[in-house]
C-alpha atoms as a PDB file:
ATOM      1  CA  MET A   1       3.933  -8.815  -4.997  1.00  0.00           C
ATOM      2  CA  ALA A   2       4.859  -9.327  -8.629  1.00  0.00           C
ATOM      3  CA  ASP A   3       1.728  -7.624 -10.010  1.00  0.00           C
ATOM      4  CA  ILE A   4       2.353  -4.269  -8.371  1.00  0.00           C
ATOM      5  CA  PRO A   5       4.968  -1.610  -9.177  1.00  0.00           C
ATOM      6  CA  SER A   6       8.437  -2.262  -7.797  1.00  0.00           C
ATOM      7  CA  ASP A   7       9.611   1.364  -7.672  1.00  0.00           C
ATOM      8  CA  PRO A   8       8.700   2.642  -4.174  1.00  0.00           C
ATOM      9  CA  ILE A   9       7.403   6.050  -5.344  1.00  0.00           C
ATOM     10  CA  ILE A  10       5.226   4.549  -8.061  1.00  0.00           C
ATOM     11  CA  LEU A  11       4.128   1.873  -5.588  1.00  0.00           C
ATOM     12  CA  LEU A  12       3.144   4.591  -3.098  1.00  0.00           C
ATOM     13  CA  SER A  13       0.998   6.324  -5.702  1.00  0.00           C
ATOM     14  CA  TYR A  14      -0.544   3.037  -6.859  1.00  0.00           C
ATOM     15  CA  ILE A  15      -1.429   1.848  -3.346  1.00  0.00           C
ATOM     16  CA  ASN A  16      -2.749   5.229  -2.173  1.00  0.00           C
ATOM     17  CA  THR A  17      -4.926   5.511  -5.278  1.00  0.00           C
ATOM     18  CA  LYS A  18      -6.335   2.032  -4.665  1.00  0.00           C
ATOM     19  CA  LEU A  19      -6.960   2.876  -1.001  1.00  0.00           C
ATOM     20  CA  ARG A  20      -8.694   6.128  -1.920  1.00  0.00           C
ATOM     21  CA  ASP A  21     -10.816   4.763  -4.751  1.00  0.00           C
ATOM     22  CA  GLU A  22     -11.503   1.106  -3.969  1.00  0.00           C
ATOM     23  CA  TYR A  23     -10.647  -0.044  -0.440  1.00  0.00           C
ATOM     24  CA  GLY A  24     -11.644   1.047   3.047  1.00  0.00           C
ATOM     25  CA  SER A  25      -8.492  -0.275   4.689  1.00  0.00           C
ATOM     26  CA  LEU A  26      -5.041  -1.631   4.006  1.00  0.00           C
ATOM     27  CA  ALA A  27      -6.121  -5.041   5.267  1.00  0.00           C
ATOM     28  CA  GLU A  28      -8.971  -5.125   2.738  1.00  0.00           C
ATOM     29  CA  LEU A  29      -6.654  -4.081  -0.108  1.00  0.00           C
ATOM     30  CA  CYS A  30      -4.022  -6.694   0.770  1.00  0.00           C
ATOM     31  CA  SER A  31      -6.594  -9.448   1.123  1.00  0.00           C
ATOM     32  CA  SER A  32      -8.323  -8.594  -2.136  1.00  0.00           C
ATOM     33  CA  LEU A  33      -5.117  -8.258  -4.166  1.00  0.00           C
ATOM     34  CA  GLY A  34      -3.269 -11.127  -2.491  1.00  0.00           C
ATOM     35  CA  ILE A  35      -0.487  -8.853  -1.233  1.00  0.00           C
ATOM     36  CA  ASP A  36       1.580  -9.662   1.837  1.00  0.00           C
ATOM     37  CA  ARG A  37       0.861  -6.685   4.109  1.00  0.00           C
ATOM     38  CA  LYS A  38       4.140  -6.863   6.035  1.00  0.00           C
ATOM     39  CA  GLN A  39       6.151  -7.000   2.823  1.00  0.00           C
ATOM     40  CA  LEU A  40       4.271  -4.008   1.438  1.00  0.00           C
ATOM     41  CA  GLU A  41       4.658  -1.977   4.618  1.00  0.00           C
ATOM     42  CA  ASP A  42       8.357  -2.876   4.856  1.00  0.00           C
ATOM     43  CA  LYS A  43       9.003  -1.842   1.263  1.00  0.00           C
ATOM     44  CA  LEU A  44       7.283   1.505   1.723  1.00  0.00           C
ATOM     45  CA  ALA A  45       8.876   2.034   5.161  1.00  0.00           C
ATOM     46  CA  ALA A  46      12.302   1.616   3.551  1.00  0.00           C
ATOM     47  CA  ALA A  47      11.378   4.588   1.348  1.00  0.00           C
ATOM     48  CA  GLY A  48      10.237   6.604   4.375  1.00  0.00           C
ATOM     49  CA  PHE A  49       6.487   6.029   4.266  1.00  0.00           C
ATOM     50  CA  GLU A  50       4.138   4.542   6.849  1.00  0.00           C
ATOM     51  CA  TYR A  51       0.486   3.586   6.777  1.00  0.00           C
ATOM     52  CA  ILE A  52      -1.811   6.024   8.604  1.00  0.00           C
ATOM     53  CA  ALA A  53      -5.003   4.096   9.328  1.00  0.00           C
ATOM     54  CA  SER A  54      -7.062   7.188  10.199  1.00  0.00           C
ATOM     55  CA  ALA A  55      -6.284   8.659   6.775  1.00  0.00           C
ATOM     56  CA  ASN A  56      -6.284   5.260   5.014  1.00  0.00           C
ATOM     57  CA  GLN A  57      -3.097   6.144   3.173  1.00  0.00           C
ATOM     58  CA  PHE A  58       0.665   5.967   3.291  1.00  0.00           C
ATOM     59  CA  ARG A  59       2.517   9.176   4.103  1.00  0.00           C
END
């Protein structure tokens, strides 16, 4: 996950923008960018955010 922002708030914005503009699901984003999904979800969960599949975004 070295190519993505490390700050959780900036990471949230980055990931949600990618999900909104380029990817139909978190699985697709992670696969395309080579991101470990569990690591990403854990990092954002530690900041109080969770992935909402129906909205295709972290909240």
